[in-house]
Amino acid sequence: DASAGGHGDSIFRFDPARHDDGTKTWLGRSVGPDGQLEGEFALDVLAKHPATARHIAFKLARRFVADEPPRALVERLSRRFLDSDGDLRAVMQALVDSPEFRDPTPAKFKTPYQYVLSSVRATGIATTNVRPLMAQLAQLGQPLYGCQTPDGWHDTEADWLNPNAITQRVNFATALASGRLPLQRVDDPGAPANGNGAQAMARQAERALDANQPLEGSTPPVDAATLLATLGPAISDQTRAAVAGAQPALRAALVLGSPDFMRR
């Protein structure tokens, strides 16, 4: 048996007096009496089990390819995991070399983090004040370093696609494209001295989104033609036609708020 604690380096301790020294069966394997090494053997067996390989292969394929990844890809990654004795670098190499990974058709819906960051990167805006972006992430349900569970943020379309989230993304795209976010403001009067600025960031973002005039430190409006050239084939002909038919002041926002840009 092992006891766990949260202080210093005493997070694990093997207690021979509480250990069952009898022979055991673990996932079809016989485990003879060997003290702490029995546990290490059990972990080795688990790490090399086909079910473990399939689980890890599926998670990686879902993260990088599609919410429902092709079964053939998962099987190939699973075999690579087993053949390489669990070498994740080898598995990732097999993933990025796969035709499924290199398929140019975007399949994954962007998480809030991916959407906000890709929007700023696509526009090329030099950012010195990230507080409006931090506030937007919080409003979209993915505050930076704010996940409350140990399994991390989910990344499937079902987790992030809903009418309210789309509305907030479009509002953000409009504010960013029109230059109404104070991303280049050096001083930040809304930030409290104690460093706990979540509420201040949210208020600042709301002011930026609702303001009729640019706030201090706001950026120039985004040029739609330059944005479309940057994104290239990621934006479909259908979206480009819709953008071309819109008012010039709205075109960049329509690109950032388009279904094409929502995917990666």
Protein backbone atom coordinates (compact mmCIF):
# COMPACT_ATOMS: atom_id res chain seq x y z
CA ASP A 1 0.00 0.00 0.00
CA ALA A 2 1.01 3.60 -0.47
CA SER A 3 0.06 6.71 1.42
CA ALA A 4 -0.01 10.15 -0.16
CA GLY A 5 0.40 13.61 1.20
CA GLY A 6 0.88 17.11 -0.12
CA HIS A 7 3.99 18.27 1.74
CA GLY A 8 7.49 18.46 0.33
CA ASP A 9 8.79 15.30 -1.29
CA SER A 10 6.75 12.87 0.85
CA ILE A 11 4.00 12.37 -1.73
CA PHE A 12 4.57 8.60 -1.89
CA ARG A 13 5.60 6.04 0.70
CA PHE A 14 5.52 2.27 0.43
CA ASP A 15 4.48 0.56 3.68
CA PRO A 16 5.50 -3.15 3.62
CA ALA A 17 3.46 -3.83 6.78
CA ARG A 18 0.23 -2.96 4.97
CA HIS A 19 1.06 -4.72 1.73
CA ASP A 20 -0.49 -7.99 0.55
CA ASP A 21 2.42 -10.28 -0.32
CA GLY A 22 0.28 -12.86 -2.05
CA THR A 23 0.33 -13.61 -5.78
CA LYS A 24 -2.06 -11.42 -7.75
CA THR A 25 -3.52 -11.25 -11.25
CA TRP A 26 -3.38 -7.91 -13.06
CA LEU A 27 -4.84 -7.53 -16.57
CA GLY A 28 -4.29 -11.20 -17.23
CA ARG A 29 -0.72 -11.20 -15.92
CA SER A 30 0.44 -13.01 -12.80
CA VAL A 31 2.20 -10.76 -10.28
CA GLY A 32 4.39 -12.56 -7.77
CA PRO A 33 5.40 -11.21 -4.36
CA ASP A 34 7.89 -8.39 -4.92
CA GLY A 35 6.98 -5.49 -2.66
CA GLN A 36 6.95 -2.08 -4.24
CA LEU A 37 8.15 -3.52 -7.53
CA GLU A 38 4.73 -5.14 -7.92
CA GLY A 39 3.21 -1.68 -8.34
CA GLU A 40 5.88 -0.66 -10.83
CA PHE A 41 5.25 -3.86 -12.79
CA ALA A 42 1.51 -3.14 -12.79
CA LEU A 43 2.12 0.34 -14.20
CA ASP A 44 4.40 -1.08 -16.91
CA VAL A 45 1.71 -3.58 -17.91
CA LEU A 46 -0.91 -0.84 -18.01
CA ALA A 47 1.33 1.47 -20.08
CA LYS A 48 1.85 -1.27 -22.69
CA HIS A 49 -1.77 -2.40 -22.82
CA PRO A 50 -3.55 -2.05 -26.22
CA ALA A 51 -6.41 -0.19 -24.54
CA THR A 52 -3.96 2.44 -23.30
CA ALA A 53 -2.50 2.77 -26.79
CA ARG A 54 -5.96 3.23 -28.32
CA HIS A 55 -6.97 5.77 -25.68
CA ILE A 56 -3.88 7.93 -26.20
CA ALA A 57 -4.08 7.59 -29.99
CA PHE A 58 -7.72 8.67 -29.99
CA LYS A 59 -7.05 11.67 -27.74
CA LEU A 60 -4.18 12.88 -29.92
CA ALA A 61 -6.12 12.37 -33.15
CA ARG A 62 -9.14 14.18 -31.74
CA ARG A 63 -6.98 17.06 -30.57
CA PHE A 64 -5.14 17.59 -33.85
CA VAL A 65 -7.37 16.20 -36.61
CA ALA A 66 -11.11 15.96 -35.89
CA ASP A 67 -13.61 15.57 -33.07
CA GLU A 68 -14.40 12.12 -34.48
CA PRO A 69 -11.04 11.10 -35.96
CA PRO A 70 -10.86 8.44 -38.69
CA ARG A 71 -10.66 4.96 -37.19
CA ALA A 72 -7.79 4.03 -39.51
CA LEU A 73 -5.70 6.92 -38.17
CA VAL A 74 -6.37 5.95 -34.56
CA GLU A 75 -5.37 2.36 -35.30
CA ARG A 76 -2.12 3.44 -36.97
CA LEU A 77 -1.21 5.69 -34.07
CA SER A 78 -2.11 2.95 -31.62
CA ARG A 79 0.17 0.48 -33.37
CA ARG A 80 2.97 3.04 -33.44
CA PHE A 81 2.57 3.56 -29.71
CA LEU A 82 2.91 -0.17 -29.06
CA ASP A 83 5.73 -0.70 -31.55
CA SER A 84 7.76 2.18 -30.12
CA ASP A 85 7.24 1.11 -26.50
CA GLY A 86 5.14 4.18 -25.76
CA ASP A 87 7.41 6.76 -27.39
CA LEU A 88 5.10 9.78 -27.73
CA ARG A 89 7.56 11.56 -30.00
CA ALA A 90 7.30 8.68 -32.46
CA VAL A 91 3.51 8.71 -32.19
CA MET A 92 3.36 12.45 -32.86
CA GLN A 93 5.69 12.04 -35.83
CA ALA A 94 3.33 9.43 -37.25
CA LEU A 95 0.44 11.82 -36.66
CA VAL A 96 1.95 14.83 -38.43
CA ASP A 97 3.09 12.61 -41.32
CA SER A 98 -0.41 11.22 -41.83
CA PRO A 99 -2.59 12.33 -44.77
CA GLU A 100 -5.43 12.97 -42.33
CA PHE A 101 -3.37 15.56 -40.46
CA ARG A 102 -2.28 17.23 -43.69
CA ASP A 103 -5.80 17.44 -45.10
CA PRO A 104 -6.21 21.18 -45.87
CA THR A 105 -9.94 21.15 -45.07
CA PRO A 106 -10.41 22.68 -41.59
CA ALA A 107 -12.31 20.30 -39.35
CA LYS A 108 -11.78 21.53 -35.80
CA PHE A 109 -13.85 24.33 -34.24
CA LYS A 110 -11.54 26.77 -32.52
CA THR A 111 -11.60 27.04 -28.75
CA PRO A 112 -11.99 30.59 -27.38
CA TYR A 113 -8.24 30.74 -26.77
CA GLN A 114 -7.47 29.68 -30.34
CA TYR A 115 -10.05 32.07 -31.76
CA VAL A 116 -8.93 35.15 -29.85
CA LEU A 117 -5.22 34.54 -30.41
CA SER A 118 -5.60 33.66 -34.10
CA SER A 119 -7.70 36.80 -34.63
CA VAL A 120 -4.99 39.06 -33.26
CA ARG A 121 -2.26 37.22 -35.14
CA ALA A 122 -4.17 37.35 -38.43
CA THR A 123 -4.63 41.09 -38.16
CA GLY A 124 -0.95 41.63 -37.33
CA ILE A 125 -1.80 44.06 -34.54
CA ALA A 126 1.13 44.76 -32.24
CA THR A 127 -0.26 44.29 -28.74
CA THR A 128 1.12 45.84 -25.57
CA ASN A 129 -2.04 45.62 -23.45
CA VAL A 130 -3.44 42.08 -23.25
CA ARG A 131 -6.11 42.82 -20.66
CA PRO A 132 -8.96 43.15 -23.17
CA LEU A 133 -7.95 39.78 -24.63
CA MET A 134 -7.83 38.19 -21.18
CA ALA A 135 -11.28 39.58 -20.45
CA GLN A 136 -12.62 38.22 -23.72
CA LEU A 137 -11.31 34.75 -22.90
CA ALA A 138 -13.07 34.90 -19.53
CA GLN A 139 -16.33 36.00 -21.16
CA LEU A 140 -16.10 33.16 -23.66
CA GLY A 141 -15.70 30.63 -20.85
CA GLN A 142 -11.99 29.84 -21.16
CA PRO A 143 -10.08 32.15 -18.81
CA LEU A 144 -6.33 31.81 -19.14
CA TYR A 145 -5.02 29.24 -16.62
CA GLY A 146 -8.54 29.10 -15.20
CA CYS A 147 -9.56 25.49 -15.78
CA GLN A 148 -11.03 24.09 -12.57
CA THR A 149 -10.63 20.40 -13.39
CA PRO A 150 -7.41 18.39 -13.81
CA ASP A 151 -8.34 17.07 -17.25
CA GLY A 152 -7.89 20.46 -18.90
CA TRP A 153 -10.14 22.35 -21.29
CA HIS A 154 -12.20 20.30 -23.72
CA ASP A 155 -11.69 21.06 -27.39
CA THR A 156 -14.62 19.63 -29.32
CA GLU A 157 -17.20 21.64 -31.23
CA ALA A 158 -19.96 20.57 -28.86
CA ASP A 159 -18.04 22.12 -25.96
CA TRP A 160 -17.79 25.61 -27.46
CA LEU A 161 -20.37 26.10 -30.22
CA ASN A 162 -23.56 27.75 -28.98
CA PRO A 163 -25.52 30.89 -29.96
CA ASN A 164 -24.25 33.03 -27.08
CA ALA A 165 -20.62 32.14 -27.76
CA ILE A 166 -20.98 32.95 -31.47
CA THR A 167 -22.55 36.31 -30.63
CA GLN A 168 -19.68 37.16 -28.31
CA ARG A 169 -17.11 36.11 -30.92
CA VAL A 170 -18.76 38.31 -33.54
CA ASN A 171 -18.81 41.24 -31.11
CA PHE A 172 -15.13 40.72 -30.41
CA ALA A 173 -14.35 40.47 -34.13
CA THR A 174 -16.21 43.74 -34.73
CA ALA A 175 -14.37 45.58 -31.97
CA LEU A 176 -10.98 44.22 -33.04
CA ALA A 177 -11.48 44.89 -36.74
CA SER A 178 -12.77 48.42 -36.19
CA GLY A 179 -9.90 49.32 -33.86
CA ARG A 180 -11.97 49.77 -30.71
CA LEU A 181 -9.87 47.60 -28.39
CA PRO A 182 -7.16 49.42 -26.41
CA LEU A 183 -4.51 46.83 -27.23
CA GLN A 184 -1.73 49.40 -27.39
CA ARG A 185 -2.46 51.24 -24.17
CA VAL A 186 0.60 51.24 -21.93
CA ASP A 187 -1.02 52.35 -18.67
CA ASP A 188 -4.14 50.56 -17.46
CA PRO A 189 -6.19 52.58 -14.97
CA GLY A 190 -8.67 49.75 -14.64
CA ALA A 191 -6.13 47.34 -13.12
CA PRO A 192 -6.23 47.19 -9.30
CA ALA A 193 -2.98 47.41 -7.38
CA ASN A 194 -3.37 43.95 -5.85
CA GLY A 195 -3.00 42.34 -9.28
CA ASN A 196 -6.42 40.65 -9.19
CA GLY A 197 -7.74 42.26 -12.36
CA ALA A 198 -10.43 39.86 -13.60
CA GLN A 199 -13.34 42.21 -12.93
CA ALA A 200 -11.43 45.22 -14.20
CA MET A 201 -10.53 43.37 -17.40
CA ALA A 202 -14.17 42.43 -17.97
CA ARG A 203 -15.30 46.04 -17.47
CA GLN A 204 -12.63 47.28 -19.84
CA ALA A 205 -13.66 44.84 -22.56
CA GLU A 206 -17.33 45.76 -22.13
CA ARG A 207 -16.48 49.46 -22.48
CA ALA A 208 -14.46 48.72 -25.59
CA LEU A 209 -17.20 46.66 -27.20
CA ASP A 210 -19.93 49.18 -26.36
CA ALA A 211 -18.02 52.40 -27.05
CA ASN A 212 -19.03 54.52 -30.03
CA GLN A 213 -15.56 56.06 -30.10
CA PRO A 214 -12.17 54.30 -29.92
CA LEU A 215 -10.65 54.16 -26.46
CA GLU A 216 -7.19 55.46 -25.67
CA GLY A 217 -4.59 53.05 -27.02
CA SER A 218 -6.94 51.64 -29.65
CA THR A 219 -5.50 50.33 -32.89
CA PRO A 220 -6.19 51.39 -36.50
CA PRO A 221 -9.06 49.63 -38.29
CA VAL A 222 -8.06 46.39 -39.96
CA ASP A 223 -7.79 46.39 -43.74
CA ALA A 224 -9.98 43.59 -45.10
CA ALA A 225 -7.96 43.09 -48.28
CA THR A 226 -4.75 42.62 -46.33
CA LEU A 227 -6.50 40.27 -43.92
CA LEU A 228 -7.88 38.15 -46.77
CA ALA A 229 -4.46 37.99 -48.39
CA THR A 230 -2.95 36.82 -45.09
CA LEU A 231 -5.54 34.07 -44.62
CA GLY A 232 -5.41 32.94 -48.24
CA PRO A 233 -7.27 29.70 -49.05
CA ALA A 234 -8.51 29.38 -45.47
CA ILE A 235 -11.32 31.73 -46.48
CA SER A 236 -13.71 30.21 -49.02
CA ASP A 237 -14.89 31.87 -52.23
CA GLN A 238 -18.41 31.99 -50.78
CA THR A 239 -17.22 33.97 -47.76
CA ARG A 240 -15.10 36.24 -49.93
CA ALA A 241 -18.13 37.05 -52.07
CA ALA A 242 -20.21 37.87 -49.00
CA VAL A 243 -17.43 40.10 -47.66
CA ALA A 244 -17.08 41.91 -50.99
CA GLY A 245 -20.78 42.76 -50.96
CA ALA A 246 -20.70 44.27 -47.47
CA GLN A 247 -19.96 47.84 -46.43
CA PRO A 248 -16.20 48.47 -46.39
CA ALA A 249 -16.18 49.23 -42.65
CA LEU A 250 -17.66 45.80 -41.89
CA ARG A 251 -15.58 43.62 -44.19
CA ALA A 252 -12.71 42.76 -41.85
CA ALA A 253 -15.16 41.95 -39.04
CA LEU A 254 -17.08 39.65 -41.38
CA VAL A 255 -13.88 37.78 -42.19
CA LEU A 256 -13.01 37.28 -38.51
CA GLY A 257 -16.60 36.33 -37.68
CA SER A 258 -17.04 33.97 -40.63
CA PRO A 259 -17.59 30.21 -40.24
CA ASP A 260 -14.33 29.69 -42.15
CA PHE A 261 -12.27 31.57 -39.59
CA MET A 262 -14.00 29.82 -36.70
CA ARG A 263 -12.27 26.61 -37.76
CA ARG A 264 -8.64 25.54 -37.85
